[in-house]
């Protein structure tokens, strides 16, 4: 019984992994690292995030954040807007 359960779980996990892999390839996320995914998640989950807030939360320097965001923008994974407060 335990062996059957283990095989069923492994089969499910393989199907799940293969499905995720196809979806990630389709939307261009198959080539990003775990850290990059974490940073994208931070951007998308934080309303009106600024570079300064991104740097503070992620404990990165502002130039590093700028470089990360520019790479995301070049890959069409993120976009940037001028804050109304900066106008």
C-alpha atoms as a PDB file:
ATOM      1  CA  UNK A   1       0.000   0.000   0.000  1.00  0.00           C
ATOM      2  CA  UNK A   2       2.753   2.488   0.914  1.00  0.00           C
ATOM      3  CA  UNK A   3       4.633   1.695  -2.295  1.00  0.00           C
ATOM      4  CA  UNK A   4       1.517   2.386  -4.387  1.00  0.00           C
ATOM      5  CA  UNK A   5       0.999   5.684  -2.593  1.00  0.00           C
ATOM      6  CA  UNK A   6       4.638   6.664  -3.142  1.00  0.00           C
ATOM      7  CA  UNK A   7       4.376   5.845  -6.858  1.00  0.00           C
ATOM      8  CA  UNK A   8       1.122   7.825  -7.174  1.00  0.00           C
ATOM      9  CA  UNK A   9       2.635  10.847  -5.448  1.00  0.00           C
ATOM     10  CA  UNK A  10       5.745  10.683  -7.644  1.00  0.00           C
ATOM     11  CA  UNK A  11       3.581  10.442 -10.768  1.00  0.00           C
ATOM     12  CA  UNK A  12       1.531  13.452  -9.643  1.00  0.00           C
ATOM     13  CA  UNK A  13       4.656  15.475  -8.856  1.00  0.00           C
ATOM     14  CA  UNK A  14       6.162  14.700 -12.263  1.00  0.00           C
ATOM     15  CA  UNK A  15       2.958  15.783 -14.031  1.00  0.00           C
ATOM     16  CA  UNK A  16       2.829  18.943 -11.931  1.00  0.00           C
ATOM     17  CA  UNK A  17       6.493  19.746 -12.591  1.00  0.00           C
ATOM     18  CA  UNK A  18       6.126  19.151 -16.340  1.00  0.00           C
ATOM     19  CA  UNK A  19       3.016  21.370 -16.460  1.00  0.00           C
ATOM     20  CA  UNK A  20       4.738  24.171 -14.572  1.00  0.00           C
ATOM     21  CA  UNK A  21       7.796  23.878 -16.785  1.00  0.00           C
ATOM     22  CA  UNK A  22       5.676  24.264 -19.930  1.00  0.00           C
ATOM     23  CA  UNK A  23       3.832  27.263 -18.511  1.00  0.00           C
ATOM     24  CA  UNK A  24       7.065  28.934 -17.369  1.00  0.00           C
ATOM     25  CA  UNK A  25       8.572  28.401 -20.828  1.00  0.00           C
ATOM     26  CA  UNK A  26       5.473  29.837 -22.461  1.00  0.00           C
ATOM     27  CA  UNK A  27       5.584  33.044 -20.410  1.00  0.00           C
ATOM     28  CA  UNK A  28       9.366  33.384 -20.353  1.00  0.00           C
ATOM     29  CA  UNK A  29       9.975  32.534 -16.697  1.00  0.00           C
ATOM     30  CA  UNK A  30      11.967  29.369 -17.331  1.00  0.00           C
ATOM     31  CA  UNK A  31      15.277  31.222 -17.373  1.00  0.00           C
ATOM     32  CA  UNK A  32      14.987  33.235 -14.173  1.00  0.00           C
ATOM     33  CA  UNK A  33      16.663  32.297 -10.929  1.00  0.00           C
ATOM     34  CA  UNK A  34      14.982  31.782  -7.586  1.00  0.00           C
ATOM     35  CA  UNK A  35      16.210  35.194  -6.416  1.00  0.00           C
ATOM     36  CA  UNK A  36      14.869  36.886  -9.528  1.00  0.00           C
ATOM     37  CA  UNK A  37      11.514  35.200  -8.994  1.00  0.00           C
ATOM     38  CA  UNK A  38      11.543  36.431  -5.380  1.00  0.00           C
ATOM     39  CA  UNK A  39      12.236  40.004  -6.553  1.00  0.00           C
ATOM     40  CA  UNK A  40       9.491  39.842  -9.211  1.00  0.00           C
ATOM     41  CA  UNK A  41       7.104  38.589  -6.571  1.00  0.00           C
ATOM     42  CA  UNK A  42       8.064  41.519  -4.334  1.00  0.00           C
ATOM     43  CA  UNK A  43       7.417  43.983  -7.158  1.00  0.00           C
ATOM     44  CA  UNK A  44       4.033  42.525  -8.044  1.00  0.00           C
ATOM     45  CA  UNK A  45       2.803  42.137  -4.473  1.00  0.00           C
ATOM     46  CA  UNK A  46       3.826  45.575  -3.185  1.00  0.00           C
ATOM     47  CA  UNK A  47       1.508  48.386  -4.263  1.00  0.00           C
ATOM     48  CA  UNK A  48       3.289  51.474  -5.558  1.00  0.00           C
ATOM     49  CA  UNK A  49       6.728  50.063  -4.798  1.00  0.00           C
ATOM     50  CA  UNK A  50       9.589  52.489  -5.262  1.00  0.00           C
ATOM     51  CA  UNK A  51      13.232  51.698  -5.882  1.00  0.00           C
ATOM     52  CA  UNK A  52      14.016  52.869  -2.367  1.00  0.00           C
ATOM     53  CA  UNK A  53      11.385  50.611  -0.814  1.00  0.00           C
ATOM     54  CA  UNK A  54      12.517  47.696  -2.993  1.00  0.00           C
ATOM     55  CA  UNK A  55      16.105  48.258  -1.827  1.00  0.00           C
ATOM     56  CA  UNK A  56      15.041  48.504   1.810  1.00  0.00           C
ATOM     57  CA  UNK A  57      12.893  45.355   1.774  1.00  0.00           C
ATOM     58  CA  UNK A  58      15.366  43.287  -0.224  1.00  0.00           C
ATOM     59  CA  UNK A  59      18.406  44.672   1.605  1.00  0.00           C
ATOM     60  CA  UNK A  60      20.080  45.617  -1.676  1.00  0.00           C
ATOM     61  CA  UNK A  61      21.756  48.842  -2.727  1.00  0.00           C
ATOM     62  CA  UNK A  62      19.783  51.283  -4.890  1.00  0.00           C
ATOM     63  CA  UNK A  63      22.161  50.814  -7.866  1.00  0.00           C
ATOM     64  CA  UNK A  64      21.665  47.037  -7.633  1.00  0.00           C
ATOM     65  CA  UNK A  65      17.891  47.491  -7.558  1.00  0.00           C
ATOM     66  CA  UNK A  66      18.086  49.764 -10.594  1.00  0.00           C
ATOM     67  CA  UNK A  67      20.097  47.118 -12.453  1.00  0.00           C
ATOM     68  CA  UNK A  68      17.624  44.366 -11.499  1.00  0.00           C
ATOM     69  CA  UNK A  69      14.587  46.430 -12.513  1.00  0.00           C
ATOM     70  CA  UNK A  70      16.228  47.444 -15.804  1.00  0.00           C
ATOM     71  CA  UNK A  71      16.859  43.771 -16.627  1.00  0.00           C
ATOM     72  CA  UNK A  72      13.243  42.933 -15.820  1.00  0.00           C
ATOM     73  CA  UNK A  73      12.049  45.798 -18.010  1.00  0.00           C
ATOM     74  CA  UNK A  74      14.340  44.718 -20.879  1.00  0.00           C
ATOM     75  CA  UNK A  75      12.793  41.243 -20.622  1.00  0.00           C
ATOM     76  CA  UNK A  76       9.235  42.665 -20.442  1.00  0.00           C
ATOM     77  CA  UNK A  77       8.781  41.167 -16.958  1.00  0.00           C
ATOM     78  CA  UNK A  78       8.195  44.547 -15.290  1.00  0.00           C
ATOM     79  CA  UNK A  79       7.533  48.153 -16.186  1.00  0.00           C
ATOM     80  CA  UNK A  80       8.233  51.423 -14.479  1.00  0.00           C
ATOM     81  CA  UNK A  81       6.275  54.629 -14.008  1.00  0.00           C
ATOM     82  CA  UNK A  82       7.193  58.004 -12.618  1.00  0.00           C
ATOM     83  CA  UNK A  83       5.592  58.387  -9.233  1.00  0.00           C
ATOM     84  CA  UNK A  84       3.031  61.227  -8.979  1.00  0.00           C
ATOM     85  CA  UNK A  85       5.011  62.390  -5.951  1.00  0.00           C
ATOM     86  CA  UNK A  86       8.068  62.848  -8.185  1.00  0.00           C
ATOM     87  CA  UNK A  87       6.287  65.050 -10.741  1.00  0.00           C
END
